[in-house]
Amino acid sequence: MKSILVVDDSQFNLMVVQKALEKDYEVTTKLNGKEGIKFAKNNAVDLILLDIEMAEISGIDTIKLLKKDSRLAKIPTIFLTGLTDHEVERTCLDLGARDFITKPFNEPVMLQRIKMVLELEDLRKNLERQVRYKTEELEKLTAKIITTFANSIDPITDLWSRMYIEEKTNSAISQFSLTGALAVIDIDNFRLINDALGYEQGNICLKTVGETIRSIIREPDVAARASADEFLIYFPKANTREEALVKVKEIFHQAANMLEKNKFHGITLSAGIAMTIEVGESFDLLYYSAEKVLHGIKLNGKNSIGFYSQKEE
């Protein structure tokens, strides 16, 4: 049952209003604004009916005090008035009054006005809850996106993670059907760099290769560092082996120059490439096939580029 606080310095008016409302609402009456405010601070109130003209403290001063208290400011207020002064009405509305009930009271009109204000307040609260819920959901989603994005970037090379390139590759396959190539590139003898020069130099080597890849690939190509010294690049629009080979050779040439410049003398790369049209339309198939080719290259001299072919199996 909704709780209504009625504040009026006329005992007769309080009696009339209480009699009209008590069948449908829990009604509390107070004879002045201070008592009304004190009650509202300590009890749940859904609506305040407030007389404008009161001797001790006027209704206008009372609502000003209510609006200063954050706990009370949102309680809807209807003014009770025998005045027809439009300036006073404007002042009351400016202060947040929801409606007016004129004296002498017409019970059906009074009940209808109270019902409408309470229904509107319920709608406002429901909308506020929905907005708050949606805001919380948006904040959670934003935090998740930020976390996912942060976890999708390799901190050493600034390339994407394997998880990200897997998602982007499968998405690109659905967009660019029957085209595309996945290259799996590995730094030859990378473990020796870590063992001989230390992990800090190893990270610089990785960073150098990563910067080279980022400087050469163009949208919609996407690149990632998959593991220690393994890099993945997907070329969605590569129609032929020749197109894919040109792109990977360019990376090899530029990486060799940059590695030499950074005093990584003699460091080379190896790559296995799988074409979507030959292997199948999924990241897993492409990766398995290109990785298999790369493994064979590493066992047979390194510093080379090879393509997966079912005929060779």
Protein backbone atom coordinates (compact mmCIF):
# COMPACT_ATOMS: atom_id res chain seq x y z
CA MET A 1 0.00 0.00 0.00
CA LYS A 2 1.35 3.41 -0.97
CA SER A 3 2.25 5.79 1.85
CA ILE A 4 0.98 9.39 1.67
CA LEU A 5 2.07 12.18 4.00
CA VAL A 6 -0.39 15.07 4.32
CA VAL A 7 0.92 18.36 5.74
CA ASP A 8 -1.65 21.09 6.53
CA ASP A 9 -2.07 23.42 9.51
CA SER A 10 -5.83 22.89 9.45
CA GLN A 11 -6.99 19.91 11.47
CA PHE A 12 -10.24 19.94 9.52
CA ASN A 13 -8.46 19.70 6.17
CA LEU A 14 -6.32 16.85 7.45
CA MET A 15 -9.43 14.98 8.59
CA VAL A 16 -11.15 15.44 5.21
CA VAL A 17 -8.14 14.28 3.23
CA GLN A 18 -7.44 11.32 5.51
CA LYS A 19 -11.04 10.12 5.28
CA ALA A 20 -10.93 10.32 1.48
CA LEU A 21 -7.62 8.44 1.15
CA GLU A 22 -7.45 5.90 3.98
CA LYS A 23 -9.31 3.17 2.06
CA ASP A 24 -6.62 3.01 -0.62
CA TYR A 25 -3.48 4.43 1.02
CA GLU A 26 -1.54 4.47 4.25
CA VAL A 27 -2.06 8.07 5.38
CA THR A 28 -0.01 10.09 7.88
CA THR A 29 -0.97 13.67 8.79
CA LYS A 30 1.20 16.46 10.17
CA LEU A 31 0.25 20.00 11.20
CA ASN A 32 3.37 21.81 9.99
CA GLY A 33 6.29 21.53 7.57
CA LYS A 34 8.95 20.76 10.18
CA GLU A 35 7.01 17.78 11.54
CA GLY A 36 6.37 16.62 7.98
CA ILE A 37 10.06 16.77 7.08
CA LYS A 38 11.01 14.95 10.28
CA PHE A 39 8.55 12.16 9.49
CA ALA A 40 9.72 11.85 5.87
CA LYS A 41 13.34 11.52 6.99
CA ASN A 42 12.51 8.53 9.17
CA ASN A 43 9.80 6.79 7.16
CA ALA A 44 9.14 5.65 3.63
CA VAL A 45 6.87 8.15 1.86
CA ASP A 46 5.54 7.73 -1.69
CA LEU A 47 3.74 11.07 -1.96
CA ILE A 48 3.46 14.33 -0.02
CA LEU A 49 0.33 16.49 -0.06
CA LEU A 50 1.49 19.91 1.09
CA ASP A 51 -0.55 22.97 1.96
CA ILE A 52 0.87 26.19 0.51
CA GLU A 53 -0.31 28.60 3.19
CA MET A 54 0.73 27.53 6.69
CA ALA A 55 1.48 29.79 9.67
CA GLU A 56 4.72 28.36 11.06
CA ILE A 57 6.49 27.48 7.80
CA SER A 58 4.90 27.84 4.38
CA GLY A 59 4.53 25.04 1.89
CA ILE A 60 6.96 26.79 -0.44
CA ASP A 61 9.63 26.96 2.28
CA THR A 62 8.89 23.37 3.21
CA ILE A 63 9.44 22.06 -0.33
CA LYS A 64 12.67 24.07 -0.55
CA LEU A 65 13.92 22.22 2.53
CA LEU A 66 12.80 18.88 1.06
CA LYS A 67 14.70 19.51 -2.18
CA LYS A 68 17.90 20.24 -0.25
CA ASP A 69 17.87 16.71 1.19
CA SER A 70 18.96 14.18 -1.44
CA ARG A 71 16.93 11.44 0.27
CA LEU A 72 13.72 13.46 0.12
CA ALA A 73 14.16 15.47 -3.07
CA LYS A 74 12.60 12.86 -5.35
CA ILE A 75 9.42 12.33 -3.33
CA PRO A 76 6.60 13.68 -5.54
CA THR A 77 4.70 16.59 -4.04
CA ILE A 78 1.18 17.85 -4.71
CA PHE A 79 0.25 21.24 -3.30
CA LEU A 80 -3.05 21.82 -1.53
CA THR A 81 -4.26 25.33 -2.16
CA GLY A 82 -7.22 27.62 -2.05
CA LEU A 83 -5.30 30.24 -4.04
CA THR A 84 -5.78 31.10 -7.68
CA ASP A 85 -2.55 33.05 -7.95
CA HIS A 86 -0.81 31.86 -11.14
CA GLU A 87 2.51 33.37 -10.05
CA VAL A 88 2.45 31.24 -6.90
CA GLU A 89 1.57 28.19 -9.00
CA ARG A 90 4.51 28.90 -11.32
CA THR A 91 6.85 29.20 -8.32
CA CYS A 92 5.59 25.88 -6.95
CA LEU A 93 6.09 24.14 -10.28
CA ASP A 94 9.57 25.60 -10.57
CA LEU A 95 10.33 24.08 -7.16
CA GLY A 96 9.27 20.63 -8.37
CA ALA A 97 5.57 20.34 -7.51
CA ARG A 98 3.87 17.64 -9.58
CA ASP A 99 0.30 18.99 -9.36
CA PHE A 100 -2.25 21.05 -7.39
CA ILE A 101 -5.41 20.06 -5.55
CA THR A 102 -7.72 22.98 -4.90
CA LYS A 103 -9.77 23.66 -1.79
CA PRO A 104 -12.53 22.96 -1.00
CA PHE A 105 -11.67 19.39 -1.93
CA ASN A 106 -13.54 17.48 -4.62
CA GLU A 107 -12.94 13.88 -3.57
CA PRO A 108 -13.14 12.14 -6.99
CA VAL A 109 -10.88 14.78 -8.56
CA MET A 110 -8.44 14.58 -5.67
CA LEU A 111 -8.25 10.78 -5.88
CA GLN A 112 -7.72 10.88 -9.63
CA ARG A 113 -4.92 13.46 -9.40
CA ILE A 114 -3.18 11.46 -6.68
CA LYS A 115 -3.53 8.24 -8.69
CA MET A 116 -2.04 9.86 -11.81
CA VAL A 117 0.94 11.32 -9.94
CA LEU A 118 1.68 7.98 -8.25
CA GLU A 119 1.43 6.10 -11.55
CA LEU A 120 3.80 8.56 -13.20
CA GLU A 121 6.20 8.18 -10.29
CA ASP A 122 6.12 4.40 -10.69
CA LEU A 123 6.92 4.83 -14.38
CA ARG A 124 9.78 7.20 -13.55
CA LYS A 125 11.24 4.77 -11.02
CA ASN A 126 10.90 1.87 -13.44
CA LEU A 127 12.61 3.86 -16.18
CA GLU A 128 15.34 4.89 -13.75
CA ARG A 129 15.90 1.25 -12.82
CA GLN A 130 16.08 0.26 -16.48
CA VAL A 131 18.53 3.06 -17.24
CA ARG A 132 20.64 2.08 -14.23
CA TYR A 133 20.55 -1.58 -15.29
CA LYS A 134 21.47 -0.74 -18.89
CA THR A 135 24.23 1.57 -17.67
CA GLU A 136 25.64 -1.17 -15.45
CA GLU A 137 25.45 -3.64 -18.33
CA LEU A 138 27.18 -1.17 -20.63
CA GLU A 139 29.90 -0.57 -18.04
CA LYS A 140 30.42 -4.32 -17.67
CA LEU A 141 30.53 -4.76 -21.44
CA THR A 142 32.96 -1.86 -21.81
CA ALA A 143 35.21 -3.32 -19.12
CA LYS A 144 35.05 -6.71 -20.84
CA ILE A 145 35.93 -5.18 -24.21
CA ILE A 146 38.82 -3.25 -22.69
CA THR A 147 40.09 -6.38 -20.93
CA THR A 148 39.68 -8.48 -24.06
CA PHE A 149 41.43 -5.86 -26.15
CA ALA A 150 44.27 -5.58 -23.63
CA ASN A 151 44.67 -9.37 -23.57
CA SER A 152 44.59 -9.47 -27.37
CA ILE A 153 47.72 -7.35 -27.83
CA ASP A 154 51.20 -8.80 -27.48
CA PRO A 155 53.09 -6.34 -25.24
CA ILE A 156 56.46 -6.95 -26.93
CA THR A 157 55.55 -6.62 -30.62
CA ASP A 158 52.23 -4.74 -30.45
CA LEU A 159 50.79 -7.38 -32.74
CA TRP A 160 47.54 -9.21 -32.04
CA SER A 161 47.36 -12.44 -30.07
CA ARG A 162 46.68 -15.84 -31.62
CA MET A 163 43.14 -15.77 -30.21
CA TYR A 164 42.45 -12.52 -32.04
CA ILE A 165 43.89 -13.58 -35.39
CA GLU A 166 41.96 -16.83 -35.22
CA GLU A 167 38.74 -14.88 -34.84
CA LYS A 168 39.68 -12.38 -37.56
CA THR A 169 40.76 -15.12 -39.96
CA ASN A 170 37.51 -17.05 -39.64
CA SER A 171 35.59 -13.80 -40.06
CA ALA A 172 37.60 -12.86 -43.17
CA ILE A 173 37.10 -16.33 -44.66
CA SER A 174 33.34 -15.85 -44.49
CA GLN A 175 33.72 -12.44 -46.13
CA PHE A 176 36.31 -13.26 -48.79
CA SER A 177 35.32 -16.78 -49.80
CA LEU A 178 37.83 -18.97 -51.70
CA THR A 179 40.68 -16.48 -51.32
CA GLY A 180 43.27 -15.94 -48.62
CA ALA A 181 46.51 -17.34 -47.31
CA LEU A 182 47.89 -17.92 -43.81
CA ALA A 183 51.64 -17.57 -43.30
CA VAL A 184 53.31 -19.01 -40.20
CA ILE A 185 56.70 -17.31 -39.80
CA ASP A 186 59.41 -18.39 -37.38
CA ILE A 187 62.73 -16.79 -36.39
CA ASP A 188 65.48 -19.29 -37.09
CA ASN A 189 67.62 -20.27 -34.08
CA PHE A 190 65.80 -17.85 -31.82
CA ARG A 191 66.59 -19.91 -28.73
CA LEU A 192 70.29 -19.28 -29.29
CA ILE A 193 69.68 -15.52 -29.12
CA ASN A 194 68.07 -15.87 -25.71
CA ASP A 195 70.79 -18.23 -24.49
CA ALA A 196 73.74 -16.22 -25.81
CA LEU A 197 72.51 -12.62 -25.48
CA GLY A 198 69.76 -12.83 -22.87
CA TYR A 199 66.00 -12.35 -22.91
CA GLU A 200 66.24 -8.59 -23.24
CA GLN A 201 68.01 -8.91 -26.58
CA GLY A 202 65.61 -11.68 -27.53
CA ASN A 203 62.70 -9.29 -26.96
CA ILE A 204 64.40 -6.65 -29.10
CA CYS A 205 64.71 -9.23 -31.88
CA LEU A 206 61.02 -10.08 -31.58
CA LYS A 207 60.14 -6.39 -31.55
CA THR A 208 62.20 -5.82 -34.69
CA VAL A 209 60.36 -8.55 -36.60
CA GLY A 210 57.04 -7.31 -35.26
CA GLU A 211 57.73 -3.74 -36.38
CA THR A 212 58.71 -5.02 -39.82
CA ILE A 213 55.47 -6.95 -40.19
CA ARG A 214 53.38 -4.00 -39.01
CA SER A 215 55.12 -1.66 -41.45
CA ILE A 216 54.38 -3.87 -44.44
CA ILE A 217 50.92 -5.41 -44.03
CA ARG A 218 47.86 -3.39 -45.00
CA GLU A 219 44.17 -3.75 -44.21
CA PRO A 220 42.49 -6.19 -44.36
CA ASP A 221 45.68 -8.21 -43.65
CA VAL A 222 46.06 -9.11 -39.99
CA ALA A 223 49.14 -10.26 -38.06
CA ALA A 224 49.80 -11.76 -34.65
CA ARG A 225 52.54 -13.14 -32.49
CA ALA A 226 51.28 -16.64 -31.71
CA SER A 227 54.00 -17.92 -29.35
CA ALA A 228 57.66 -17.37 -28.48
CA ASP A 229 59.12 -16.63 -31.93
CA GLU A 230 56.19 -17.60 -34.12
CA PHE A 231 54.23 -15.01 -36.11
CA LEU A 232 51.01 -15.46 -38.03
CA ILE A 233 49.83 -13.34 -40.93
CA TYR A 234 46.56 -13.80 -42.77
CA PHE A 235 46.18 -12.25 -46.21
CA PRO A 236 42.41 -12.39 -46.95
CA LYS A 237 42.67 -11.18 -50.55
CA ALA A 238 45.60 -13.31 -51.69
CA ASN A 239 44.17 -15.15 -54.71
CA THR A 240 47.28 -17.08 -55.73
CA ARG A 241 50.47 -18.51 -54.28
CA GLU A 242 52.40 -15.88 -56.18
CA GLU A 243 50.53 -13.05 -54.45
CA ALA A 244 51.11 -14.57 -51.02
CA LEU A 245 54.78 -15.26 -51.81
CA VAL A 246 55.42 -11.65 -52.83
CA LYS A 247 54.04 -10.39 -49.52
CA VAL A 248 56.04 -12.83 -47.39
CA LYS A 249 59.25 -12.22 -49.36
CA GLU A 250 58.85 -8.49 -48.77
CA ILE A 251 58.62 -9.15 -45.04
CA PHE A 252 61.69 -11.40 -45.15
CA HIS A 253 63.73 -8.81 -47.07
CA GLN A 254 62.78 -5.91 -44.81
CA ALA A 255 63.23 -7.99 -41.63
CA ALA A 256 66.74 -9.03 -42.75
CA ASN A 257 67.71 -5.37 -43.17
CA MET A 258 66.24 -4.36 -39.82
CA LEU A 259 67.79 -7.31 -37.96
CA GLU A 260 71.19 -6.56 -39.46
CA LYS A 261 70.81 -2.90 -38.54
CA ASN A 262 70.11 -3.94 -34.93
CA LYS A 263 73.21 -6.16 -34.94
CA PHE A 264 71.37 -9.48 -35.14
CA HIS A 265 73.85 -10.68 -37.76
CA GLY A 266 72.87 -13.71 -39.79
CA ILE A 267 69.42 -14.10 -38.23
CA THR A 268 66.96 -15.47 -40.77
CA LEU A 269 63.28 -16.37 -41.01
CA SER A 270 61.37 -19.40 -42.21
CA ALA A 271 57.72 -19.56 -43.28
CA GLY A 272 55.05 -22.08 -44.13
CA ILE A 273 52.05 -20.87 -46.13
CA ALA A 274 48.64 -22.49 -46.63
CA MET A 275 46.09 -21.27 -49.17
CA THR A 276 42.42 -21.27 -48.19
CA ILE A 277 41.30 -22.57 -51.57
CA GLU A 278 43.64 -25.58 -51.26
CA VAL A 279 43.32 -26.40 -47.56
CA GLY A 280 39.83 -25.42 -46.46
CA GLU A 281 37.93 -22.53 -44.98
CA SER A 282 38.94 -22.55 -41.32
CA PHE A 283 41.77 -21.13 -39.27
CA ASP A 284 42.58 -24.50 -37.69
CA LEU A 285 43.04 -26.20 -41.07
CA LEU A 286 45.19 -23.35 -42.37
CA TYR A 287 47.34 -23.22 -39.25
CA TYR A 288 47.86 -26.99 -39.10
CA SER A 289 48.85 -27.12 -42.77
CA ALA A 290 51.17 -24.08 -42.71
CA GLU A 291 52.77 -25.26 -39.45
CA LYS A 292 53.45 -28.65 -41.01
CA VAL A 293 55.25 -27.02 -43.93
CA LEU A 294 57.24 -24.79 -41.56
CA HIS A 295 58.31 -27.80 -39.50
CA GLY A 296 59.69 -29.47 -42.65
CA ILE A 297 61.60 -26.31 -43.59
CA LYS A 298 63.14 -26.07 -40.12
CA LEU A 299 64.36 -29.65 -40.43
CA ASN A 300 65.87 -29.06 -43.87
CA GLY A 301 68.05 -25.99 -43.71
CA LYS A 302 65.72 -23.17 -42.60
CA ASN A 303 65.76 -19.66 -44.16
CA SER A 304 63.11 -20.59 -46.69
CA ILE A 305 59.43 -20.26 -47.64
CA GLY A 306 57.20 -23.20 -48.52
CA PHE A 307 53.58 -23.88 -49.46
CA TYR A 308 51.37 -26.66 -48.22
CA SER A 309 50.38 -29.16 -50.90
CA GLN A 310 48.18 -32.22 -50.42
CA LYS A 311 50.10 -33.96 -53.23
CA GLU A 312 53.20 -34.04 -51.10
CA GLU A 313 51.57 -35.97 -48.27
